[in-house]
C-alpha cells in the first residue's frame, strides 16, 4: 500500500522528470544526455563481469572507474574518427552531395517528365548556387560550427558524468527519502528505455548496413557496376540507420540518386533492393524494438513526427527514447 507521502513524491518526481526532459530539449543538452546514458549503460552492463572477479569493494570501485574512463576514451575516439572519415577524401560528405547534384543534372535526359518538373531548371549550376548560399549564410554557418564544438564539449562532459554515476553505484548508497527514491526510479526507467531503443536500433542498423554493403561492394561489382563514394554510402547507411524508420529513408534516397550515375536501370534495381531491405527492417523493428517496449513502428513514427514538429532535429532523435520511457512508466503504473 502506497502512503500519501509516497504518492505525493511520485507525482512530484513525474513533474520534475517532465520538466527536466523539456529542459534538455530546450537548452540543446540532448547530446550530453545521450552520451551520459550510453556510457552509464555500457559500464552498467560490464560491471557484473568485474564483480565476479574482484571481491574487495575498493577494487570494484577502482575497476569500474577505470572501465568508465576507458569507455569514455573509446567513445571520444570513435566520434573523432567519424569526423575525420567524413572530412577525408574517402568519406567526403560535401563531395558526395556535390556528386549527387551533378548526377541529377546529368540524368535529366533519361528521367521521366514528371520528375524533371520537380528538379531545378536547365542551366542551374549547383556549384554557383552552393557558393551563393554559403555567402548568404556565412554567419549562420559560423554559428553552426560554434554549436558543433559546444555539442562535442557537452558530449564529453555527459560521458564523464555517466561514468561518475556508474562508479557511484558501486558504493551502494543508503536509501534516500521518498522523492529521491522516486526520481531514481524515473531515471532508471529512462535508462532502460535508452538501452532498449538504442542498443536494439544499433543491431538493426548494423544488419541493414551489412546487407547494403554486400549489395554495394559485392553484388553490383559482380555485374561490372562500381558506384562512386561506396564507403561513404555504407557509413551514411549505418549512422542514418540509428534513427528508426526515417534514417533508412534518408540513406535509401542517397543510394538511389548515386545509382543514377550509372543508369536509371541500376537506380531502379537499387530502389527495389532497398525496398526489400526496408520491409525487412520493419520486421526487425517490430520484433526487436517492439518486443522490448511493446510498441509498433507506427507508434514510434508518430512520436517522431510530433517531437520533430515541436523540437526540431533534437525532438526527432529523442522521440523513440522518450516514447519508450513514457510507455514504460504508464505500464508500470497499470494505466496501459
C-alpha atoms as a PDB file:
ATOM      1  CA  UNK A   1       0.000   0.000   0.000  1.00  0.00           C
ATOM      2  CA  UNK A   2       1.403   3.374  -1.054  1.00  0.00           C
ATOM      3  CA  UNK A   3       1.345   6.016   1.653  1.00  0.00           C
ATOM      4  CA  UNK A   4       0.156   9.609   0.939  1.00  0.00           C
ATOM      5  CA  UNK A   5       3.741  10.869   1.238  1.00  0.00           C
ATOM      6  CA  UNK A   6       4.982   8.317  -1.286  1.00  0.00           C
ATOM      7  CA  UNK A   7       2.114   9.151  -3.668  1.00  0.00           C
ATOM      8  CA  UNK A   8       2.993  12.841  -3.413  1.00  0.00           C
ATOM      9  CA  UNK A   9       6.665  12.056  -4.009  1.00  0.00           C
ATOM     10  CA  UNK A  10       5.810  10.022  -7.125  1.00  0.00           C
ATOM     11  CA  UNK A  11       3.724  12.871  -8.547  1.00  0.00           C
ATOM     12  CA  UNK A  12       6.437  15.398  -7.773  1.00  0.00           C
ATOM     13  CA  UNK A  13       9.054  13.175  -9.422  1.00  0.00           C
ATOM     14  CA  UNK A  14       6.874  12.986 -12.543  1.00  0.00           C
ATOM     15  CA  UNK A  15       6.669  16.781 -12.698  1.00  0.00           C
ATOM     16  CA  UNK A  16      10.412  17.171 -12.160  1.00  0.00           C
ATOM     17  CA  UNK A  17      11.282  14.450 -14.683  1.00  0.00           C
ATOM     18  CA  UNK A  18       8.996  16.013 -17.321  1.00  0.00           C
ATOM     19  CA  UNK A  19      10.478  19.455 -16.667  1.00  0.00           C
ATOM     20  CA  UNK A  20      13.980  18.013 -16.933  1.00  0.00           C
ATOM     21  CA  UNK A  21      13.191  16.297 -20.260  1.00  0.00           C
ATOM     22  CA  UNK A  22      11.762  19.518 -21.714  1.00  0.00           C
ATOM     23  CA  UNK A  23      14.757  21.484 -20.411  1.00  0.00           C
ATOM     24  CA  UNK A  24      17.159  19.052 -22.080  1.00  0.00           C
ATOM     25  CA  UNK A  25      15.470  19.671 -25.436  1.00  0.00           C
ATOM     26  CA  UNK A  26      15.047  23.432 -24.963  1.00  0.00           C
ATOM     27  CA  UNK A  27      18.632  24.001 -23.765  1.00  0.00           C
ATOM     28  CA  UNK A  28      20.129  21.764 -26.508  1.00  0.00           C
ATOM     29  CA  UNK A  29      21.578  19.334 -23.967  1.00  0.00           C
ATOM     30  CA  UNK A  30      20.368  16.167 -25.695  1.00  0.00           C
ATOM     31  CA  UNK A  31      23.901  15.182 -26.876  1.00  0.00           C
ATOM     32  CA  UNK A  32      25.136  15.334 -23.288  1.00  0.00           C
ATOM     33  CA  UNK A  33      22.182  13.275 -22.033  1.00  0.00           C
ATOM     34  CA  UNK A  34      22.564  10.581 -24.688  1.00  0.00           C
ATOM     35  CA  UNK A  35      26.338  10.408 -24.215  1.00  0.00           C
ATOM     36  CA  UNK A  36      25.932  10.087 -20.447  1.00  0.00           C
ATOM     37  CA  UNK A  37      23.290   7.379 -20.805  1.00  0.00           C
ATOM     38  CA  UNK A  38      25.462   5.482 -23.291  1.00  0.00           C
ATOM     39  CA  UNK A  39      28.492   5.401 -21.001  1.00  0.00           C
ATOM     40  CA  UNK A  40      26.367   4.636 -17.936  1.00  0.00           C
ATOM     41  CA  UNK A  41      24.602   1.712 -19.610  1.00  0.00           C
ATOM     42  CA  UNK A  42      27.824   0.288 -21.047  1.00  0.00           C
ATOM     43  CA  UNK A  43      29.526   0.419 -17.650  1.00  0.00           C
ATOM     44  CA  UNK A  44      26.400  -0.989 -16.020  1.00  0.00           C
ATOM     45  CA  UNK A  45      26.359  -3.933 -18.452  1.00  0.00           C
ATOM     46  CA  UNK A  46      30.047  -4.733 -17.996  1.00  0.00           C
ATOM     47  CA  UNK A  47      30.252  -4.229 -14.214  1.00  0.00           C
ATOM     48  CA  UNK A  48      28.830  -7.691 -13.265  1.00  0.00           C
ATOM     49  CA  UNK A  49      31.744  -9.344 -15.073  1.00  0.00           C
ATOM     50  CA  UNK A  50      34.157  -7.356 -12.907  1.00  0.00           C
ATOM     51  CA  UNK A  51      32.291  -8.103  -9.675  1.00  0.00           C
ATOM     52  CA  UNK A  52      32.646 -11.848 -10.293  1.00  0.00           C
ATOM     53  CA  UNK A  53      36.429 -11.487 -10.383  1.00  0.00           C
ATOM     54  CA  UNK A  54      37.070  -8.668  -7.911  1.00  0.00           C
ATOM     55  CA  UNK A  55      35.786  -9.198  -4.370  1.00  0.00           C
ATOM     56  CA  UNK A  56      37.037  -6.157  -2.448  1.00  0.00           C
ATOM     57  CA  UNK A  57      34.874  -3.039  -2.524  1.00  0.00           C
ATOM     58  CA  UNK A  58      37.796  -0.722  -3.232  1.00  0.00           C
ATOM     59  CA  UNK A  59      38.946  -2.970  -6.027  1.00  0.00           C
ATOM     60  CA  UNK A  60      35.499  -2.931  -7.622  1.00  0.00           C
ATOM     61  CA  UNK A  61      35.296   0.848  -7.373  1.00  0.00           C
ATOM     62  CA  UNK A  62      38.724   1.233  -8.962  1.00  0.00           C
ATOM     63  CA  UNK A  63      37.920  -1.286 -11.692  1.00  0.00           C
ATOM     64  CA  UNK A  64      34.602   0.401 -12.540  1.00  0.00           C
ATOM     65  CA  UNK A  65      36.300   3.820 -12.588  1.00  0.00           C
ATOM     66  CA  UNK A  66      38.964   2.526 -14.986  1.00  0.00           C
ATOM     67  CA  UNK A  67      36.295   0.858 -17.099  1.00  0.00           C
ATOM     68  CA  UNK A  68      34.312   4.107 -17.267  1.00  0.00           C
ATOM     69  CA  UNK A  69      37.388   6.087 -18.264  1.00  0.00           C
ATOM     70  CA  UNK A  70      38.218   3.513 -20.952  1.00  0.00           C
ATOM     71  CA  UNK A  71      34.686   3.656 -22.395  1.00  0.00           C
ATOM     72  CA  UNK A  72      34.779   7.471 -22.427  1.00  0.00           C
ATOM     73  CA  UNK A  73      38.122   7.404 -24.245  1.00  0.00           C
ATOM     74  CA  UNK A  74      36.907   4.847 -26.801  1.00  0.00           C
ATOM     75  CA  UNK A  75      33.655   6.743 -27.423  1.00  0.00           C
ATOM     76  CA  UNK A  76      35.537  10.026 -27.893  1.00  0.00           C
ATOM     77  CA  UNK A  77      37.950   8.290 -30.266  1.00  0.00           C
ATOM     78  CA  UNK A  78      35.016   6.841 -32.244  1.00  0.00           C
ATOM     79  CA  UNK A  79      33.401  10.276 -32.607  1.00  0.00           C
ATOM     80  CA  UNK A  80      36.703  11.829 -33.653  1.00  0.00           C
ATOM     81  CA  UNK A  81      37.313   9.002 -36.124  1.00  0.00           C
ATOM     82  CA  UNK A  82      33.873   9.519 -37.688  1.00  0.00           C
ATOM     83  CA  UNK A  83      34.505  13.249 -38.083  1.00  0.00           C
ATOM     84  CA  UNK A  84      37.930  12.607 -39.638  1.00  0.00           C
ATOM     85  CA  UNK A  85      36.483   9.996 -42.014  1.00  0.00           C
ATOM     86  CA  UNK A  86      33.722  12.253 -43.309  1.00  0.00           C
ATOM     87  CA  UNK A  87      36.253  15.039 -43.859  1.00  0.00           C
ATOM     88  CA  UNK A  88      38.718  12.780 -45.682  1.00  0.00           C
ATOM     89  CA  UNK A  89      38.805  12.062 -49.411  1.00  0.00           C
ATOM     90  CA  UNK A  90      37.386   8.576 -48.829  1.00  0.00           C
ATOM     91  CA  UNK A  91      34.300   9.791 -46.975  1.00  0.00           C
ATOM     92  CA  UNK A  92      33.907  13.408 -48.061  1.00  0.00           C
ATOM     93  CA  UNK A  93      30.255  14.324 -47.472  1.00  0.00           C
ATOM     94  CA  UNK A  94      30.491  17.592 -49.372  1.00  0.00           C
ATOM     95  CA  UNK A  95      31.928  15.666 -52.314  1.00  0.00           C
ATOM     96  CA  UNK A  96      29.050  13.195 -52.084  1.00  0.00           C
ATOM     97  CA  UNK A  97      26.441  15.967 -52.106  1.00  0.00           C
ATOM     98  CA  UNK A  98      28.182  17.687 -54.994  1.00  0.00           C
ATOM     99  CA  UNK A  99      28.252  14.408 -56.905  1.00  0.00           C
ATOM    100  CA  UNK A 100      24.526  13.902 -56.245  1.00  0.00           C
ATOM    101  CA  UNK A 101      23.735  17.339 -57.659  1.00  0.00           C
ATOM    102  CA  UNK A 102      25.859  16.586 -60.734  1.00  0.00           C
ATOM    103  CA  UNK A 103      24.189  13.185 -61.209  1.00  0.00           C
ATOM    104  CA  UNK A 104      20.702  14.687 -61.084  1.00  0.00           C
ATOM    105  CA  UNK A 105      21.681  17.403 -63.565  1.00  0.00           C
ATOM    106  CA  UNK A 106      23.270  14.925 -65.992  1.00  0.00           C
ATOM    107  CA  UNK A 107      20.414  12.454 -65.756  1.00  0.00           C
ATOM    108  CA  UNK A 108      17.673  14.788 -66.985  1.00  0.00           C
ATOM    109  CA  UNK A 109      17.501  13.231 -70.443  1.00  0.00           C
ATOM    110  CA  UNK A 110      16.748   9.773 -69.028  1.00  0.00           C
ATOM    111  CA  UNK A 111      14.312  10.864 -66.336  1.00  0.00           C
ATOM    112  CA  UNK A 112      10.506  10.975 -66.730  1.00  0.00           C
ATOM    113  CA  UNK A 113       8.955  14.372 -67.457  1.00  0.00           C
ATOM    114  CA  UNK A 114       7.070  14.465 -64.154  1.00  0.00           C
ATOM    115  CA  UNK A 115      10.342  14.010 -62.266  1.00  0.00           C
ATOM    116  CA  UNK A 116      12.149  16.634 -64.365  1.00  0.00           C
ATOM    117  CA  UNK A 117       9.441  19.130 -63.439  1.00  0.00           C
ATOM    118  CA  UNK A 118      10.423  18.718 -59.781  1.00  0.00           C
ATOM    119  CA  UNK A 119      14.117  19.441 -60.443  1.00  0.00           C
ATOM    120  CA  UNK A 120      15.810  22.846 -60.822  1.00  0.00           C
ATOM    121  CA  UNK A 121      15.588  24.395 -64.326  1.00  0.00           C
ATOM    122  CA  UNK A 122      18.146  23.784 -67.070  1.00  0.00           C
ATOM    123  CA  UNK A 123      21.265  25.854 -66.729  1.00  0.00           C
ATOM    124  CA  UNK A 124      21.200  25.503 -62.969  1.00  0.00           C
ATOM    125  CA  UNK A 125      24.780  25.486 -61.700  1.00  0.00           C
ATOM    126  CA  UNK A 126      24.995  23.569 -58.386  1.00  0.00           C
ATOM    127  CA  UNK A 127      28.481  24.919 -57.692  1.00  0.00           C
ATOM    128  CA  UNK A 128      27.484  28.552 -58.172  1.00  0.00           C
ATOM    129  CA  UNK A 129      24.304  28.018 -56.164  1.00  0.00           C
ATOM    130  CA  UNK A 130      26.360  26.469 -53.364  1.00  0.00           C
ATOM    131  CA  UNK A 131      28.825  29.382 -53.365  1.00  0.00           C
ATOM    132  CA  UNK A 132      25.972  31.892 -53.290  1.00  0.00           C
ATOM    133  CA  UNK A 133      24.245  30.012 -50.487  1.00  0.00           C
ATOM    134  CA  UNK A 134      27.477  29.898 -48.495  1.00  0.00           C
ATOM    135  CA  UNK A 135      27.937  33.648 -48.861  1.00  0.00           C
ATOM    136  CA  UNK A 136      24.369  34.377 -47.782  1.00  0.00           C
ATOM    137  CA  UNK A 137      24.565  32.057 -44.781  1.00  0.00           C
ATOM    138  CA  UNK A 138      28.194  32.550 -43.747  1.00  0.00           C
ATOM    139  CA  UNK A 139      27.228  33.938 -40.341  1.00  0.00           C
ATOM    140  CA  UNK A 140      24.821  31.052 -39.744  1.00  0.00           C
ATOM    141  CA  UNK A 141      27.476  28.514 -40.729  1.00  0.00           C
ATOM    142  CA  UNK A 142      29.924  30.064 -38.283  1.00  0.00           C
ATOM    143  CA  UNK A 143      27.244  29.728 -35.609  1.00  0.00           C
ATOM    144  CA  UNK A 144      26.699  26.089 -36.608  1.00  0.00           C
ATOM    145  CA  UNK A 145      30.434  25.457 -36.291  1.00  0.00           C
ATOM    146  CA  UNK A 146      30.414  27.064 -32.863  1.00  0.00           C
ATOM    147  CA  UNK A 147      27.395  24.974 -31.812  1.00  0.00           C
ATOM    148  CA  UNK A 148      29.051  21.808 -33.128  1.00  0.00           C
ATOM    149  CA  UNK A 149      32.105  22.480 -30.970  1.00  0.00           C
ATOM    150  CA  UNK A 150      29.878  23.192 -27.975  1.00  0.00           C
ATOM    151  CA  UNK A 151      27.902  19.994 -28.616  1.00  0.00           C
ATOM    152  CA  UNK A 152      31.137  17.988 -28.699  1.00  0.00           C
ATOM    153  CA  UNK A 153      32.132  19.525 -25.350  1.00  0.00           C
ATOM    154  CA  UNK A 154      28.694  18.640 -23.964  1.00  0.00           C
ATOM    155  CA  UNK A 155      29.145  15.061 -25.198  1.00  0.00           C
ATOM    156  CA  UNK A 156      32.474  14.721 -23.400  1.00  0.00           C
ATOM    157  CA  UNK A 157      31.064  16.199 -20.183  1.00  0.00           C
ATOM    158  CA  UNK A 158      27.990  13.951 -20.457  1.00  0.00           C
ATOM    159  CA  UNK A 159      30.151  10.855 -20.864  1.00  0.00           C
ATOM    160  CA  UNK A 160      32.237  11.809 -17.829  1.00  0.00           C
ATOM    161  CA  UNK A 161      29.083  12.343 -15.747  1.00  0.00           C
ATOM    162  CA  UNK A 162      27.723   8.978 -16.898  1.00  0.00           C
ATOM    163  CA  UNK A 163      30.962   7.269 -15.877  1.00  0.00           C
ATOM    164  CA  UNK A 164      30.916   9.018 -12.488  1.00  0.00           C
ATOM    165  CA  UNK A 165      27.313   7.957 -11.820  1.00  0.00           C
ATOM    166  CA  UNK A 166      28.128   4.366 -12.773  1.00  0.00           C
ATOM    167  CA  UNK A 167      31.086   4.398 -10.398  1.00  0.00           C
ATOM    168  CA  UNK A 168      28.953   5.860  -7.610  1.00  0.00           C
ATOM    169  CA  UNK A 169      26.530   2.917  -7.842  1.00  0.00           C
ATOM    170  CA  UNK A 170      29.267   0.567  -6.683  1.00  0.00           C
ATOM    171  CA  UNK A 171      29.151   2.227  -3.259  1.00  0.00           C
ATOM    172  CA  UNK A 172      25.530   1.070  -2.799  1.00  0.00           C
ATOM    173  CA  UNK A 173      24.444   4.255  -1.060  1.00  0.00           C
ATOM    174  CA  UNK A 174      21.901   4.085   1.762  1.00  0.00           C
ATOM    175  CA  UNK A 175      18.208   4.509   0.817  1.00  0.00           C
ATOM    176  CA  UNK A 176      17.192   8.153   0.385  1.00  0.00           C
ATOM    177  CA  UNK A 177      13.898   9.939   1.036  1.00  0.00           C
ATOM    178  CA  UNK A 178      10.710   9.214  -0.942  1.00  0.00           C
ATOM    179  CA  UNK A 179      11.260  11.976  -3.525  1.00  0.00           C
ATOM    180  CA  UNK A 180      14.847  10.942  -4.194  1.00  0.00           C
ATOM    181  CA  UNK A 181      13.753   7.301  -4.425  1.00  0.00           C
ATOM    182  CA  UNK A 182      11.032   8.213  -6.942  1.00  0.00           C
ATOM    183  CA  UNK A 183      13.458  10.292  -9.002  1.00  0.00           C
ATOM    184  CA  UNK A 184      15.898   7.384  -9.093  1.00  0.00           C
ATOM    185  CA  UNK A 185      13.041   5.178 -10.315  1.00  0.00           C
ATOM    186  CA  UNK A 186      12.249   7.671 -13.117  1.00  0.00           C
ATOM    187  CA  UNK A 187      15.922   7.835 -14.108  1.00  0.00           C
ATOM    188  CA  UNK A 188      16.206   4.038 -14.033  1.00  0.00           C
ATOM    189  CA  UNK A 189      13.251   3.653 -16.393  1.00  0.00           C
ATOM    190  CA  UNK A 190      14.741   6.300 -18.694  1.00  0.00           C
ATOM    191  CA  UNK A 191      17.993   4.326 -18.749  1.00  0.00           C
ATOM    192  CA  UNK A 192      16.086   1.126 -19.502  1.00  0.00           C
ATOM    193  CA  UNK A 193      14.219   2.858 -22.353  1.00  0.00           C
ATOM    194  CA  UNK A 194      17.504   4.156 -23.739  1.00  0.00           C
ATOM    195  CA  UNK A 195      19.074   0.715 -23.607  1.00  0.00           C
ATOM    196  CA  UNK A 196      16.061  -0.968 -25.207  1.00  0.00           C
ATOM    197  CA  UNK A 197      15.797   1.535 -28.057  1.00  0.00           C
ATOM    198  CA  UNK A 198      19.415   2.434 -28.797  1.00  0.00           C
ATOM    199  CA  UNK A 199      21.001  -0.988 -28.438  1.00  0.00           C
ATOM    200  CA  UNK A 200      18.183  -2.598 -30.417  1.00  0.00           C
ATOM    201  CA  UNK A 201      18.387   0.077 -33.127  1.00  0.00           C
ATOM    202  CA  UNK A 202      22.158  -0.401 -33.203  1.00  0.00           C
ATOM    203  CA  UNK A 203      21.615  -4.072 -34.038  1.00  0.00           C
ATOM    204  CA  UNK A 204      19.053  -3.201 -36.701  1.00  0.00           C
ATOM    205  CA  UNK A 205      21.323  -0.578 -38.267  1.00  0.00           C
ATOM    206  CA  UNK A 206      24.276  -2.979 -38.261  1.00  0.00           C
ATOM    207  CA  UNK A 207      22.232  -5.702 -40.003  1.00  0.00           C
ATOM    208  CA  UNK A 208      20.882  -3.188 -42.526  1.00  0.00           C
ATOM    209  CA  UNK A 209      24.401  -1.867 -43.175  1.00  0.00           C
ATOM    210  CA  UNK A 210      25.754  -5.375 -43.756  1.00  0.00           C
ATOM    211  CA  UNK A 211      23.115  -6.081 -46.414  1.00  0.00           C
ATOM    212  CA  UNK A 212      23.678  -2.681 -48.032  1.00  0.00           C
ATOM    213  CA  UNK A 213      27.459  -3.174 -48.012  1.00  0.00           C
ATOM    214  CA  UNK A 214      27.078  -6.595 -49.677  1.00  0.00           C
ATOM    215  CA  UNK A 215      24.879  -5.024 -52.360  1.00  0.00           C
ATOM    216  CA  UNK A 216      27.150  -2.011 -53.000  1.00  0.00           C
ATOM    217  CA  UNK A 217      30.561  -3.637 -52.632  1.00  0.00           C
ATOM    218  CA  UNK A 218      29.895  -7.210 -53.800  1.00  0.00           C
ATOM    219  CA  UNK A 219      26.722  -7.647 -55.862  1.00  0.00           C
ATOM    220  CA  UNK A 220      26.985  -4.549 -58.058  1.00  0.00           C
ATOM    221  CA  UNK A 221      30.729  -5.022 -58.832  1.00  0.00           C
ATOM    222  CA  UNK A 222      29.971  -8.602 -59.922  1.00  0.00           C
ATOM    223  CA  UNK A 223      27.837  -7.066 -62.686  1.00  0.00           C
ATOM    224  CA  UNK A 224      30.504  -4.505 -63.565  1.00  0.00           C
ATOM    225  CA  UNK A 225      28.838  -1.646 -61.687  1.00  0.00           C
ATOM    226  CA  UNK A 226      31.098   0.439 -59.449  1.00  0.00           C
ATOM    227  CA  UNK A 227      29.279   3.301 -57.730  1.00  0.00           C
ATOM    228  CA  UNK A 228      31.222   6.348 -56.511  1.00  0.00           C
ATOM    229  CA  UNK A 229      31.567   7.051 -52.771  1.00  0.00           C
ATOM    230  CA  UNK A 230      30.763   3.448 -51.839  1.00  0.00           C
ATOM    231  CA  UNK A 231      32.492   3.715 -48.451  1.00  0.00           C
ATOM    232  CA  UNK A 232      30.656   6.946 -47.660  1.00  0.00           C
ATOM    233  CA  UNK A 233      27.327   5.390 -48.640  1.00  0.00           C
ATOM    234  CA  UNK A 234      27.946   2.461 -46.291  1.00  0.00           C
ATOM    235  CA  UNK A 235      28.908   4.820 -43.440  1.00  0.00           C
ATOM    236  CA  UNK A 236      25.851   7.025 -44.064  1.00  0.00           C
ATOM    237  CA  UNK A 237      23.650   3.903 -44.049  1.00  0.00           C
ATOM    238  CA  UNK A 238      24.921   2.898 -40.613  1.00  0.00           C
ATOM    239  CA  UNK A 239      24.732   6.353 -38.998  1.00  0.00           C
ATOM    240  CA  UNK A 240      21.358   7.280 -40.510  1.00  0.00           C
ATOM    241  CA  UNK A 241      20.070   3.817 -39.595  1.00  0.00           C
ATOM    242  CA  UNK A 242      20.380   4.695 -35.916  1.00  0.00           C
ATOM    243  CA  UNK A 243      17.192   6.723 -36.434  1.00  0.00           C
ATOM    244  CA  UNK A 244      14.218   4.338 -36.575  1.00  0.00           C
ATOM    245  CA  UNK A 245      12.361   4.246 -39.917  1.00  0.00           C
ATOM    246  CA  UNK A 246      13.275   7.722 -41.180  1.00  0.00           C
ATOM    247  CA  UNK A 247      17.033   7.037 -41.154  1.00  0.00           C
ATOM    248  CA  UNK A 248      16.531   4.193 -43.607  1.00  0.00           C
ATOM    249  CA  UNK A 249      14.600   6.504 -45.932  1.00  0.00           C
ATOM    250  CA  UNK A 250      17.444   9.051 -45.865  1.00  0.00           C
ATOM    251  CA  UNK A 251      20.165   6.548 -46.737  1.00  0.00           C
ATOM    252  CA  UNK A 252      17.967   4.893 -49.379  1.00  0.00           C
ATOM    253  CA  UNK A 253      17.383   8.217 -51.128  1.00  0.00           C
ATOM    254  CA  UNK A 254      21.112   8.929 -51.251  1.00  0.00           C
ATOM    255  CA  UNK A 255      21.936   5.471 -52.652  1.00  0.00           C
ATOM    256  CA  UNK A 256      19.250   5.658 -55.342  1.00  0.00           C
ATOM    257  CA  UNK A 257      20.455   9.092 -56.504  1.00  0.00           C
ATOM    258  CA  UNK A 258      24.086   7.930 -56.650  1.00  0.00           C
ATOM    259  CA  UNK A 259      22.958   4.828 -58.569  1.00  0.00           C
ATOM    260  CA  UNK A 260      21.736   7.190 -61.299  1.00  0.00           C
ATOM    261  CA  UNK A 261      25.425   7.857 -62.009  1.00  0.00           C
ATOM    262  CA  UNK A 262      25.474   4.503 -63.799  1.00  0.00           C
ATOM    263  CA  UNK A 263      21.986   4.278 -65.291  1.00  0.00           C
ATOM    264  CA  UNK A 264      18.271   4.555 -64.446  1.00  0.00           C
ATOM    265  CA  UNK A 265      18.115   0.742 -64.539  1.00  0.00           C
ATOM    266  CA  UNK A 266      20.702   0.455 -61.758  1.00  0.00           C
ATOM    267  CA  UNK A 267      18.834   3.136 -59.811  1.00  0.00           C
ATOM    268  CA  UNK A 268      15.622   1.092 -60.179  1.00  0.00           C
ATOM    269  CA  UNK A 269      17.464  -2.060 -59.088  1.00  0.00           C
ATOM    270  CA  UNK A 270      18.872  -0.222 -56.066  1.00  0.00           C
ATOM    271  CA  UNK A 271      15.418   1.057 -55.195  1.00  0.00           C
ATOM    272  CA  UNK A 272      13.939  -2.445 -55.440  1.00  0.00           C
ATOM    273  CA  UNK A 273      16.700  -3.885 -53.263  1.00  0.00           C
ATOM    274  CA  UNK A 274      16.373  -1.126 -50.663  1.00  0.00           C
ATOM    275  CA  UNK A 275      12.592  -1.504 -50.525  1.00  0.00           C
ATOM    276  CA  UNK A 276      13.090  -5.179 -49.694  1.00  0.00           C
ATOM    277  CA  UNK A 277      15.654  -4.297 -47.018  1.00  0.00           C
ATOM    278  CA  UNK A 278      13.309  -1.576 -45.727  1.00  0.00           C
ATOM    279  CA  UNK A 279      10.485  -4.115 -45.351  1.00  0.00           C
ATOM    280  CA  UNK A 280      12.922  -6.420 -43.587  1.00  0.00           C
ATOM    281  CA  UNK A 281      13.814  -3.552 -41.248  1.00  0.00           C
ATOM    282  CA  UNK A 282      10.129  -3.119 -40.372  1.00  0.00           C
ATOM    283  CA  UNK A 283      10.072  -6.798 -39.404  1.00  0.00           C
ATOM    284  CA  UNK A 284      13.211  -6.379 -37.291  1.00  0.00           C
ATOM    285  CA  UNK A 285      11.843  -3.201 -35.733  1.00  0.00           C
ATOM    286  CA  UNK A 286       8.627  -4.935 -34.749  1.00  0.00           C
ATOM    287  CA  UNK A 287      10.480  -7.988 -33.489  1.00  0.00           C
ATOM    288  CA  UNK A 288      13.420  -6.367 -31.663  1.00  0.00           C
ATOM    289  CA  UNK A 289      12.252  -2.895 -30.630  1.00  0.00           C
ATOM    290  CA  UNK A 290       8.529  -3.625 -30.484  1.00  0.00           C
ATOM    291  CA  UNK A 291       9.017  -6.666 -28.273  1.00  0.00           C
ATOM    292  CA  UNK A 292      11.161  -4.764 -25.798  1.00  0.00           C
ATOM    293  CA  UNK A 293       8.890  -1.736 -25.367  1.00  0.00           C
ATOM    294  CA  UNK A 294       5.602  -3.238 -26.585  1.00  0.00           C
ATOM    295  CA  UNK A 295       5.242  -0.632 -29.349  1.00  0.00           C
ATOM    296  CA  UNK A 296       4.647  -0.871 -33.070  1.00  0.00           C
ATOM    297  CA  UNK A 297       6.585   1.010 -35.728  1.00  0.00           C
ATOM    298  CA  UNK A 298       3.699   3.408 -36.405  1.00  0.00           C
ATOM    299  CA  UNK A 299       3.645   4.442 -32.746  1.00  0.00           C
ATOM    300  CA  UNK A 300       7.327   5.343 -32.766  1.00  0.00           C
ATOM    301  CA  UNK A 301       6.987   7.097 -36.127  1.00  0.00           C
ATOM    302  CA  UNK A 302       4.052   9.172 -34.843  1.00  0.00           C
ATOM    303  CA  UNK A 303       6.062  10.181 -31.783  1.00  0.00           C
ATOM    304  CA  UNK A 304       8.969  11.181 -34.052  1.00  0.00           C
ATOM    305  CA  UNK A 305       6.730  13.361 -36.250  1.00  0.00           C
ATOM    306  CA  UNK A 306       5.197  15.156 -33.249  1.00  0.00           C
ATOM    307  CA  UNK A 307       8.518  15.651 -31.456  1.00  0.00           C
ATOM    308  CA  UNK A 308      10.221  16.876 -34.627  1.00  0.00           C
ATOM    309  CA  UNK A 309       7.457  19.453 -35.133  1.00  0.00           C
ATOM    310  CA  UNK A 310       7.851  20.619 -31.530  1.00  0.00           C
ATOM    311  CA  UNK A 311      11.625  20.500 -31.027  1.00  0.00           C
ATOM    312  CA  UNK A 312      13.252  20.020 -34.439  1.00  0.00           C
ATOM    313  CA  UNK A 313      16.047  17.514 -35.025  1.00  0.00           C
ATOM    314  CA  UNK A 314      16.630  17.052 -31.293  1.00  0.00           C
ATOM    315  CA  UNK A 315      12.998  16.043 -30.859  1.00  0.00           C
ATOM    316  CA  UNK A 316      13.269  13.636 -33.775  1.00  0.00           C
ATOM    317  CA  UNK A 317      16.249  11.905 -32.167  1.00  0.00           C
ATOM    318  CA  UNK A 318      14.809  11.893 -28.658  1.00  0.00           C
ATOM    319  CA  UNK A 319      11.299  10.765 -29.648  1.00  0.00           C
ATOM    320  CA  UNK A 320      11.846   6.961 -29.678  1.00  0.00           C
ATOM    321  CA  UNK A 321      13.609   7.040 -26.296  1.00  0.00           C
ATOM    322  CA  UNK A 322      11.157   9.393 -24.601  1.00  0.00           C
ATOM    323  CA  UNK A 323       8.190   7.486 -26.024  1.00  0.00           C
ATOM    324  CA  UNK A 324       9.576   4.182 -24.746  1.00  0.00           C
ATOM    325  CA  UNK A 325      10.202   5.852 -21.361  1.00  0.00           C
ATOM    326  CA  UNK A 326       6.643   7.207 -21.214  1.00  0.00           C
ATOM    327  CA  UNK A 327       5.153   3.865 -22.169  1.00  0.00           C
ATOM    328  CA  UNK A 328       7.213   2.007 -19.560  1.00  0.00           C
ATOM    329  CA  UNK A 329       6.065   4.449 -16.866  1.00  0.00           C
ATOM    330  CA  UNK A 330       2.415   4.111 -17.878  1.00  0.00           C
ATOM    331  CA  UNK A 331       2.730   0.342 -17.988  1.00  0.00           C
ATOM    332  CA  UNK A 332       4.368   0.223 -14.560  1.00  0.00           C
ATOM    333  CA  UNK A 333       1.545   2.309 -13.121  1.00  0.00           C
ATOM    334  CA  UNK A 334      -1.058  -0.027 -14.633  1.00  0.00           C
ATOM    335  CA  UNK A 335      -2.517   2.632 -16.946  1.00  0.00           C
ATOM    336  CA  UNK A 336      -1.776   0.735 -20.201  1.00  0.00           C
END
